[in-house]
N, C-alpha and C. Protein backbone atom coordinates (compact mmCIF):
# COMPACT_ATOMS: atom_id res chain seq x y z
N MET A 1 85.01 99.14 82.16
CA MET A 1 84.82 97.73 82.00
C MET A 1 84.74 97.03 83.38
N HIS A 2 85.65 97.39 84.27
CA HIS A 2 85.67 96.80 85.61
C HIS A 2 84.37 97.12 86.35
N LEU A 3 83.79 98.33 86.17
CA LEU A 3 82.55 98.72 86.83
C LEU A 3 81.42 97.83 86.34
N LYS A 4 81.34 97.56 85.04
CA LYS A 4 80.26 96.70 84.53
C LYS A 4 80.36 95.32 85.12
N HIS A 5 81.57 94.80 85.22
CA HIS A 5 81.73 93.46 85.78
C HIS A 5 81.31 93.46 87.25
N SER A 6 81.63 94.48 88.02
CA SER A 6 81.28 94.57 89.41
C SER A 6 79.73 94.66 89.59
N LEU A 7 79.11 95.44 88.72
CA LEU A 7 77.67 95.57 88.81
C LEU A 7 76.93 94.25 88.54
N ARG A 8 77.46 93.48 87.61
CA ARG A 8 76.87 92.17 87.27
C ARG A 8 76.94 91.23 88.48
N GLN A 9 77.97 91.39 89.34
CA GLN A 9 78.12 90.53 90.46
C GLN A 9 77.20 90.86 91.58
N LEU A 10 76.59 91.98 91.59
CA LEU A 10 75.71 92.35 92.69
C LEU A 10 74.42 91.47 92.65
N SER A 11 74.00 91.01 93.79
CA SER A 11 72.73 90.25 93.86
C SER A 11 71.59 91.22 93.61
N ALA A 12 70.44 90.68 93.38
CA ALA A 12 69.26 91.51 93.16
C ALA A 12 68.98 92.36 94.42
N ARG A 13 69.18 91.79 95.57
CA ARG A 13 68.96 92.49 96.83
C ARG A 13 69.93 93.69 96.95
N HIS A 14 71.19 93.48 96.71
CA HIS A 14 72.14 94.57 96.81
C HIS A 14 71.89 95.64 95.72
N TRP A 15 71.43 95.23 94.60
CA TRP A 15 71.09 96.15 93.55
C TRP A 15 69.95 97.08 93.98
N ALA A 16 68.89 96.46 94.62
CA ALA A 16 67.80 97.25 95.13
C ALA A 16 68.27 98.23 96.23
N LEU A 17 69.15 97.75 97.11
CA LEU A 17 69.73 98.62 98.15
C LEU A 17 70.43 99.81 97.52
N GLY A 18 71.21 99.53 96.52
CA GLY A 18 71.93 100.58 95.80
C GLY A 18 70.97 101.58 95.21
N LEU A 19 69.85 101.12 94.65
CA LEU A 19 68.90 102.03 94.07
C LEU A 19 68.25 102.88 95.15
N LEU A 20 67.99 102.23 96.32
CA LEU A 20 67.39 103.00 97.43
C LEU A 20 68.38 104.06 97.92
N LEU A 21 69.60 103.67 98.10
CA LEU A 21 70.60 104.62 98.58
C LEU A 21 70.77 105.77 97.53
N MET A 22 70.76 105.47 96.28
CA MET A 22 70.92 106.51 95.27
C MET A 22 69.74 107.45 95.29
N ALA A 23 68.55 106.86 95.49
CA ALA A 23 67.31 107.70 95.53
C ALA A 23 67.38 108.56 96.75
N ILE A 24 67.99 108.12 97.81
CA ILE A 24 68.02 108.92 99.03
C ILE A 24 69.02 110.03 98.86
N VAL A 25 70.17 109.74 98.32
CA VAL A 25 71.27 110.74 98.28
C VAL A 25 71.10 111.70 97.14
N LEU A 26 70.67 111.24 95.94
CA LEU A 26 70.59 112.13 94.82
C LEU A 26 69.66 113.30 94.97
N PRO A 27 68.47 113.18 95.57
CA PRO A 27 67.61 114.35 95.66
C PRO A 27 68.16 115.49 96.51
N ALA A 28 68.99 115.11 97.47
CA ALA A 28 69.60 116.17 98.29
C ALA A 28 70.81 116.74 97.60
N SER A 29 71.01 118.02 97.67
CA SER A 29 72.15 118.61 97.01
C SER A 29 73.41 118.15 97.70
N ALA A 30 73.35 117.89 98.96
CA ALA A 30 74.53 117.30 99.73
C ALA A 30 73.89 116.59 100.91
N GLN A 31 74.42 115.43 101.22
CA GLN A 31 73.91 114.73 102.39
C GLN A 31 74.31 115.56 103.61
N GLN A 32 73.36 115.58 104.54
CA GLN A 32 73.55 116.38 105.73
C GLN A 32 73.97 115.46 106.90
N GLN A 33 74.77 115.99 107.81
CA GLN A 33 75.18 115.18 108.94
C GLN A 33 75.50 116.06 110.15
N ILE A 34 75.45 115.42 111.32
CA ILE A 34 75.86 116.07 112.56
C ILE A 34 76.71 115.05 113.34
N THR A 35 77.54 115.49 114.23
CA THR A 35 78.33 114.63 115.12
C THR A 35 77.85 114.86 116.53
N ILE A 36 77.62 113.71 117.22
CA ILE A 36 77.24 113.70 118.63
C ILE A 36 78.18 112.71 119.30
N LYS A 37 79.07 113.21 120.16
CA LYS A 37 80.02 112.41 120.82
C LYS A 37 80.78 111.49 119.87
N ASP A 38 80.60 110.19 119.92
CA ASP A 38 81.30 109.26 119.02
C ASP A 38 80.44 108.74 117.88
N ILE A 39 79.38 109.46 117.54
CA ILE A 39 78.58 109.01 116.42
C ILE A 39 78.44 110.11 115.40
N GLU A 40 78.29 109.71 114.15
CA GLU A 40 78.06 110.61 113.05
C GLU A 40 76.67 110.28 112.55
N VAL A 41 75.75 111.25 112.57
CA VAL A 41 74.35 111.02 112.14
C VAL A 41 74.14 111.66 110.78
N HIS A 42 73.85 110.82 109.77
CA HIS A 42 73.57 111.32 108.46
C HIS A 42 72.02 111.30 108.23
N TYR A 43 71.53 112.30 107.57
CA TYR A 43 70.10 112.36 107.34
C TYR A 43 69.75 112.98 106.00
N SER A 44 68.58 112.51 105.48
CA SER A 44 68.12 113.06 104.22
C SER A 44 66.60 112.87 104.18
N ALA A 45 65.89 113.93 103.82
CA ALA A 45 64.42 113.82 103.68
C ALA A 45 64.05 114.19 102.25
N PHE A 46 63.11 113.40 101.64
CA PHE A 46 62.85 113.57 100.25
C PHE A 46 61.43 113.05 99.96
N ASN A 47 60.84 113.55 98.83
CA ASN A 47 59.56 113.09 98.40
C ASN A 47 59.68 111.63 97.99
N SER A 48 58.70 110.87 98.35
CA SER A 48 58.68 109.42 98.03
C SER A 48 58.71 109.09 96.58
N THR A 49 58.34 110.03 95.73
CA THR A 49 58.34 109.72 94.28
C THR A 49 59.78 109.64 93.71
N PHE A 50 60.77 110.00 94.52
CA PHE A 50 62.18 109.83 94.09
C PHE A 50 62.51 108.33 94.07
N LEU A 51 61.79 107.51 94.79
CA LEU A 51 62.01 106.08 94.79
C LEU A 51 61.44 105.45 93.54
N THR A 52 62.07 104.43 93.05
CA THR A 52 61.45 103.65 91.96
C THR A 52 60.31 102.86 92.51
N PRO A 53 59.36 102.51 91.72
CA PRO A 53 58.24 101.66 92.22
C PRO A 53 58.73 100.32 92.83
N GLN A 54 59.80 99.75 92.25
CA GLN A 54 60.36 98.48 92.71
C GLN A 54 60.92 98.63 94.09
N VAL A 55 61.68 99.69 94.33
CA VAL A 55 62.32 99.89 95.63
C VAL A 55 61.25 100.20 96.66
N ALA A 56 60.25 101.00 96.30
CA ALA A 56 59.17 101.29 97.25
C ALA A 56 58.44 100.02 97.68
N THR A 57 58.18 99.12 96.71
CA THR A 57 57.52 97.88 97.01
C THR A 57 58.40 97.00 97.89
N GLN A 58 59.67 96.87 97.53
CA GLN A 58 60.60 95.99 98.30
C GLN A 58 60.67 96.41 99.75
N TYR A 59 60.71 97.74 99.98
CA TYR A 59 60.87 98.22 101.38
C TYR A 59 59.57 98.62 102.00
N GLN A 60 58.44 98.28 101.34
CA GLN A 60 57.10 98.57 101.81
C GLN A 60 56.91 100.05 102.22
N LEU A 61 57.32 100.93 101.29
CA LEU A 61 57.21 102.36 101.48
C LEU A 61 56.13 102.87 100.56
N THR A 62 55.37 103.85 101.05
CA THR A 62 54.32 104.53 100.25
C THR A 62 55.01 105.39 99.19
N ARG A 63 54.60 105.32 97.97
CA ARG A 63 55.16 106.09 96.91
C ARG A 63 54.07 106.90 96.25
N ASN A 64 53.94 108.17 96.60
CA ASN A 64 53.03 109.10 95.95
C ASN A 64 53.47 110.51 96.16
N GLY A 65 52.91 111.45 95.50
CA GLY A 65 53.35 112.85 95.56
C GLY A 65 53.07 113.57 96.85
N TYR A 66 52.29 112.94 97.71
CA TYR A 66 51.91 113.58 98.99
C TYR A 66 52.52 112.93 100.19
N SER A 67 53.59 112.16 100.03
CA SER A 67 54.27 111.59 101.13
C SER A 67 55.81 111.71 100.92
N ALA A 68 56.47 111.78 102.06
CA ALA A 68 57.96 111.94 102.05
C ALA A 68 58.59 110.94 102.97
N ILE A 69 59.87 110.81 102.90
CA ILE A 69 60.60 109.83 103.68
C ILE A 69 61.76 110.51 104.33
N LEU A 70 62.02 110.24 105.59
CA LEU A 70 63.24 110.67 106.30
C LEU A 70 64.11 109.47 106.46
N ASN A 71 65.33 109.54 106.01
CA ASN A 71 66.33 108.48 106.16
C ASN A 71 67.43 108.93 107.09
N VAL A 72 67.71 108.14 108.12
CA VAL A 72 68.77 108.47 109.07
C VAL A 72 69.68 107.27 109.21
N SER A 73 70.98 107.51 109.19
CA SER A 73 71.95 106.45 109.50
C SER A 73 72.92 106.98 110.50
N VAL A 74 73.41 106.04 111.33
CA VAL A 74 74.29 106.39 112.46
C VAL A 74 75.55 105.59 112.30
N LEU A 75 76.72 106.30 112.37
CA LEU A 75 78.06 105.64 112.20
C LEU A 75 78.84 105.82 113.47
N ASP A 76 79.58 104.80 113.85
CA ASP A 76 80.43 104.85 115.02
C ASP A 76 81.80 105.38 114.65
N THR A 77 82.09 106.65 115.00
CA THR A 77 83.34 107.28 114.58
C THR A 77 84.53 106.82 115.41
N ALA A 78 84.29 106.12 116.56
CA ALA A 78 85.39 105.63 117.38
C ALA A 78 85.92 104.28 116.93
N ALA A 79 85.17 103.60 116.05
CA ALA A 79 85.56 102.30 115.54
C ALA A 79 86.23 102.41 114.19
N LEU A 80 87.15 101.53 113.92
CA LEU A 80 87.88 101.49 112.67
C LEU A 80 86.93 101.38 111.49
N GLY A 81 87.05 102.30 110.54
CA GLY A 81 86.22 102.25 109.37
C GLY A 81 84.87 102.89 109.52
N LYS A 82 84.56 103.48 110.66
CA LYS A 82 83.25 104.09 110.91
C LYS A 82 82.07 103.20 110.52
N PRO A 83 81.93 102.06 111.15
CA PRO A 83 80.82 101.15 110.81
C PRO A 83 79.47 101.71 111.27
N ALA A 84 78.41 101.21 110.63
CA ALA A 84 77.03 101.59 111.03
C ALA A 84 76.80 101.01 112.40
N THR A 85 76.05 101.74 113.21
CA THR A 85 75.72 101.24 114.55
C THR A 85 74.27 101.45 114.81
N GLU A 86 73.68 100.59 115.65
CA GLU A 86 72.28 100.69 115.99
C GLU A 86 72.03 101.90 116.91
N ALA A 87 70.84 102.42 116.78
CA ALA A 87 70.43 103.56 117.63
C ALA A 87 68.89 103.51 117.79
N LYS A 88 68.41 104.18 118.78
CA LYS A 88 66.97 104.35 118.95
C LYS A 88 66.68 105.78 118.52
N LEU A 89 65.66 105.89 117.65
CA LEU A 89 65.28 107.21 117.14
C LEU A 89 63.79 107.44 117.42
N SER A 90 63.46 108.66 117.81
CA SER A 90 62.08 109.05 118.00
C SER A 90 62.01 110.56 117.70
N GLY A 91 60.89 110.98 117.29
CA GLY A 91 60.78 112.43 117.02
C GLY A 91 59.51 112.82 116.31
N GLN A 92 59.52 114.06 115.87
CA GLN A 92 58.33 114.64 115.21
C GLN A 92 58.73 115.67 114.18
N ALA A 93 57.80 115.95 113.32
CA ALA A 93 57.93 117.02 112.35
C ALA A 93 56.78 117.99 112.61
N LYS A 94 57.11 119.29 112.58
CA LYS A 94 56.07 120.30 112.86
C LYS A 94 56.09 121.36 111.73
N ASN A 95 54.88 121.68 111.25
CA ASN A 95 54.83 122.73 110.23
C ASN A 95 54.73 124.11 110.84
N LEU A 96 54.68 125.14 110.01
CA LEU A 96 54.72 126.53 110.47
C LEU A 96 53.48 126.94 111.32
N ILE A 97 52.35 126.25 111.14
CA ILE A 97 51.21 126.59 111.94
C ILE A 97 51.03 125.72 113.19
N GLY A 98 52.07 124.86 113.42
CA GLY A 98 52.11 124.09 114.65
C GLY A 98 51.56 122.68 114.56
N ASN A 99 51.09 122.20 113.41
CA ASN A 99 50.63 120.87 113.27
C ASN A 99 51.81 119.90 113.43
N ILE A 100 51.65 118.89 114.28
CA ILE A 100 52.74 117.98 114.58
C ILE A 100 52.45 116.59 113.99
N ARG A 101 53.50 116.01 113.41
CA ARG A 101 53.44 114.66 112.88
C ARG A 101 54.43 113.84 113.66
N GLU A 102 54.00 112.86 114.44
CA GLU A 102 54.90 111.96 115.13
C GLU A 102 55.51 111.04 114.09
N LEU A 103 56.82 110.84 114.22
CA LEU A 103 57.55 110.01 113.24
C LEU A 103 57.82 108.65 113.87
N GLU A 104 57.49 107.59 113.10
CA GLU A 104 57.78 106.21 113.51
C GLU A 104 58.88 105.72 112.62
N PHE A 105 60.03 105.40 113.25
CA PHE A 105 61.20 104.93 112.46
C PHE A 105 61.21 103.41 112.43
N ARG A 106 61.55 102.93 111.21
CA ARG A 106 61.70 101.49 110.97
C ARG A 106 63.14 101.23 110.65
N GLU A 107 63.75 100.28 111.35
CA GLU A 107 65.14 99.92 111.11
C GLU A 107 65.24 98.99 109.95
N VAL A 108 66.17 99.29 109.05
CA VAL A 108 66.46 98.43 107.91
C VAL A 108 67.90 98.07 107.94
N LYS A 109 68.17 96.76 107.87
CA LYS A 109 69.57 96.24 107.86
C LYS A 109 69.80 95.51 106.51
N GLU A 110 70.88 95.93 105.81
CA GLU A 110 71.28 95.30 104.59
C GLU A 110 72.78 95.07 104.67
N GLY A 111 73.21 93.88 104.91
CA GLY A 111 74.63 93.66 105.06
C GLY A 111 75.16 94.42 106.26
N ASP A 112 76.19 95.27 106.06
CA ASP A 112 76.77 96.05 107.14
C ASP A 112 76.04 97.36 107.34
N ALA A 113 75.12 97.70 106.43
CA ALA A 113 74.39 98.99 106.47
C ALA A 113 73.19 98.89 107.39
N ILE A 114 73.00 99.94 108.18
CA ILE A 114 71.82 100.06 109.03
C ILE A 114 71.26 101.48 108.79
N TYR A 115 70.01 101.55 108.47
CA TYR A 115 69.40 102.89 108.34
C TYR A 115 67.97 102.87 108.87
N TYR A 116 67.45 104.04 109.21
CA TYR A 116 66.17 104.16 109.85
C TYR A 116 65.29 105.05 108.94
N LEU A 117 64.11 104.52 108.61
CA LEU A 117 63.20 105.21 107.72
C LEU A 117 61.92 105.60 108.42
N ALA A 118 61.45 106.82 108.16
CA ALA A 118 60.15 107.26 108.69
C ALA A 118 59.41 107.91 107.53
N GLU A 119 58.16 107.56 107.35
CA GLU A 119 57.31 108.14 106.34
C GLU A 119 56.38 109.16 106.96
N PHE A 120 56.07 110.24 106.18
CA PHE A 120 55.15 111.24 106.72
C PHE A 120 54.47 111.97 105.58
N PRO A 121 53.28 112.46 105.76
CA PRO A 121 52.55 113.18 104.74
C PRO A 121 53.08 114.62 104.59
N ILE A 122 52.96 115.14 103.37
CA ILE A 122 53.38 116.53 103.10
C ILE A 122 52.31 117.26 102.31
N SER A 123 52.37 118.58 102.40
CA SER A 123 51.48 119.43 101.58
C SER A 123 52.42 120.32 100.70
N ASN A 124 51.92 120.86 99.66
CA ASN A 124 52.71 121.64 98.74
C ASN A 124 53.32 122.83 99.41
N GLU A 125 54.62 123.09 99.20
CA GLU A 125 55.37 124.22 99.74
C GLU A 125 55.33 124.26 101.29
N GLU A 126 55.22 123.06 101.88
CA GLU A 126 55.19 123.00 103.32
C GLU A 126 56.60 122.98 103.90
N ASN A 127 56.82 123.84 104.89
CA ASN A 127 58.14 123.88 105.57
C ASN A 127 57.98 123.12 106.90
N LEU A 128 58.75 122.04 107.03
CA LEU A 128 58.69 121.22 108.27
C LEU A 128 59.93 121.35 109.06
N THR A 129 59.80 121.45 110.37
CA THR A 129 60.93 121.44 111.27
C THR A 129 60.97 120.07 111.96
N PHE A 130 62.07 119.36 111.85
CA PHE A 130 62.25 118.06 112.44
C PHE A 130 62.99 118.15 113.77
N ASP A 131 62.53 117.43 114.75
CA ASP A 131 63.15 117.38 116.07
C ASP A 131 63.22 115.90 116.41
N ILE A 132 64.44 115.32 116.28
CA ILE A 132 64.66 113.89 116.38
C ILE A 132 65.60 113.61 117.60
N ASP A 133 65.23 112.66 118.43
CA ASP A 133 66.14 112.19 119.47
C ASP A 133 66.88 110.97 118.93
N VAL A 134 68.22 111.03 119.03
CA VAL A 134 69.03 109.95 118.54
C VAL A 134 69.77 109.40 119.78
N ASN A 135 69.66 108.09 120.00
CA ASN A 135 70.30 107.49 121.16
C ASN A 135 71.05 106.23 120.77
N ALA A 136 72.39 106.32 120.75
CA ALA A 136 73.22 105.14 120.47
C ALA A 136 73.94 104.69 121.73
N GLY A 137 73.29 104.88 122.88
CA GLY A 137 73.84 104.45 124.15
C GLY A 137 75.10 105.20 124.54
N MET A 138 76.10 104.48 124.99
CA MET A 138 77.37 105.12 125.40
C MET A 138 78.12 105.79 124.26
N LYS A 139 77.81 105.44 123.06
CA LYS A 139 78.49 106.01 121.90
C LYS A 139 78.10 107.48 121.69
N GLY A 140 76.86 107.78 122.06
CA GLY A 140 76.38 109.14 121.92
C GLY A 140 74.83 109.24 121.89
N ALA A 141 74.33 110.33 122.39
CA ALA A 141 72.88 110.62 122.35
C ALA A 141 72.67 112.07 122.29
N GLY A 142 71.71 112.50 121.53
CA GLY A 142 71.46 113.92 121.40
C GLY A 142 70.33 114.23 120.43
N LYS A 143 70.21 115.46 120.04
CA LYS A 143 69.16 115.95 119.18
C LYS A 143 69.63 116.19 117.75
N LEU A 144 68.78 115.84 116.83
CA LEU A 144 68.96 116.19 115.39
C LEU A 144 67.81 117.13 115.10
N LYS A 145 68.17 118.34 114.72
CA LYS A 145 67.13 119.33 114.38
C LYS A 145 67.44 119.97 113.05
N PHE A 146 66.43 120.05 112.16
CA PHE A 146 66.62 120.69 110.92
C PHE A 146 65.27 121.03 110.29
N SER A 147 65.25 121.93 109.32
CA SER A 147 64.02 122.32 108.61
C SER A 147 64.20 122.08 107.17
N GLN A 148 63.08 121.79 106.49
CA GLN A 148 63.15 121.57 105.06
C GLN A 148 61.78 121.88 104.43
N LYS A 149 61.80 122.41 103.24
CA LYS A 149 60.58 122.72 102.50
C LYS A 149 60.31 121.57 101.52
N PHE A 150 59.06 121.21 101.43
CA PHE A 150 58.64 120.06 100.59
C PHE A 150 57.64 120.52 99.51
N TYR A 151 57.63 119.86 98.39
CA TYR A 151 56.72 120.14 97.28
C TYR A 151 56.01 118.86 96.89
N VAL A 152 54.71 118.92 96.68
CA VAL A 152 53.98 117.71 96.27
C VAL A 152 54.15 117.52 94.77
N GLU A 153 53.98 116.30 94.35
CA GLU A 153 54.03 115.96 92.97
C GLU A 153 52.73 115.23 92.62
N PRO A 154 51.73 115.99 92.13
CA PRO A 154 50.40 115.34 91.87
C PRO A 154 50.47 114.31 90.75
């Protein structure tokens, strides 16, 4: 009963943010993260069809079976409560035959949350290796590297 009451109190904007965050976290079996100095970098890559049409429209994201989204958030582990912190991100995704896709990150702020989104095209059963530079200044800077296989949804 308390949960229903709390959900009713959310504004439409916060509800959309919640949907976006659920879409980001649910496709991944577990959210992935790394620690660099005093920052914790959380990341998740998923097919854009996991987003609802409403969330894709609100955040101006392409929603189709041949595109995916990389979501990165950076938390300050040295501050009380590990708040979100701003960072500069740049990087690329490379497939097994060496084709490179430069990633352009867009910062999204909603309340205290800050996250960085990059859209990129995918092919069926494509394995991409991500090489991302994360720079939160004196709090920490370093590389985020991971690989993931993607499937298109025609």
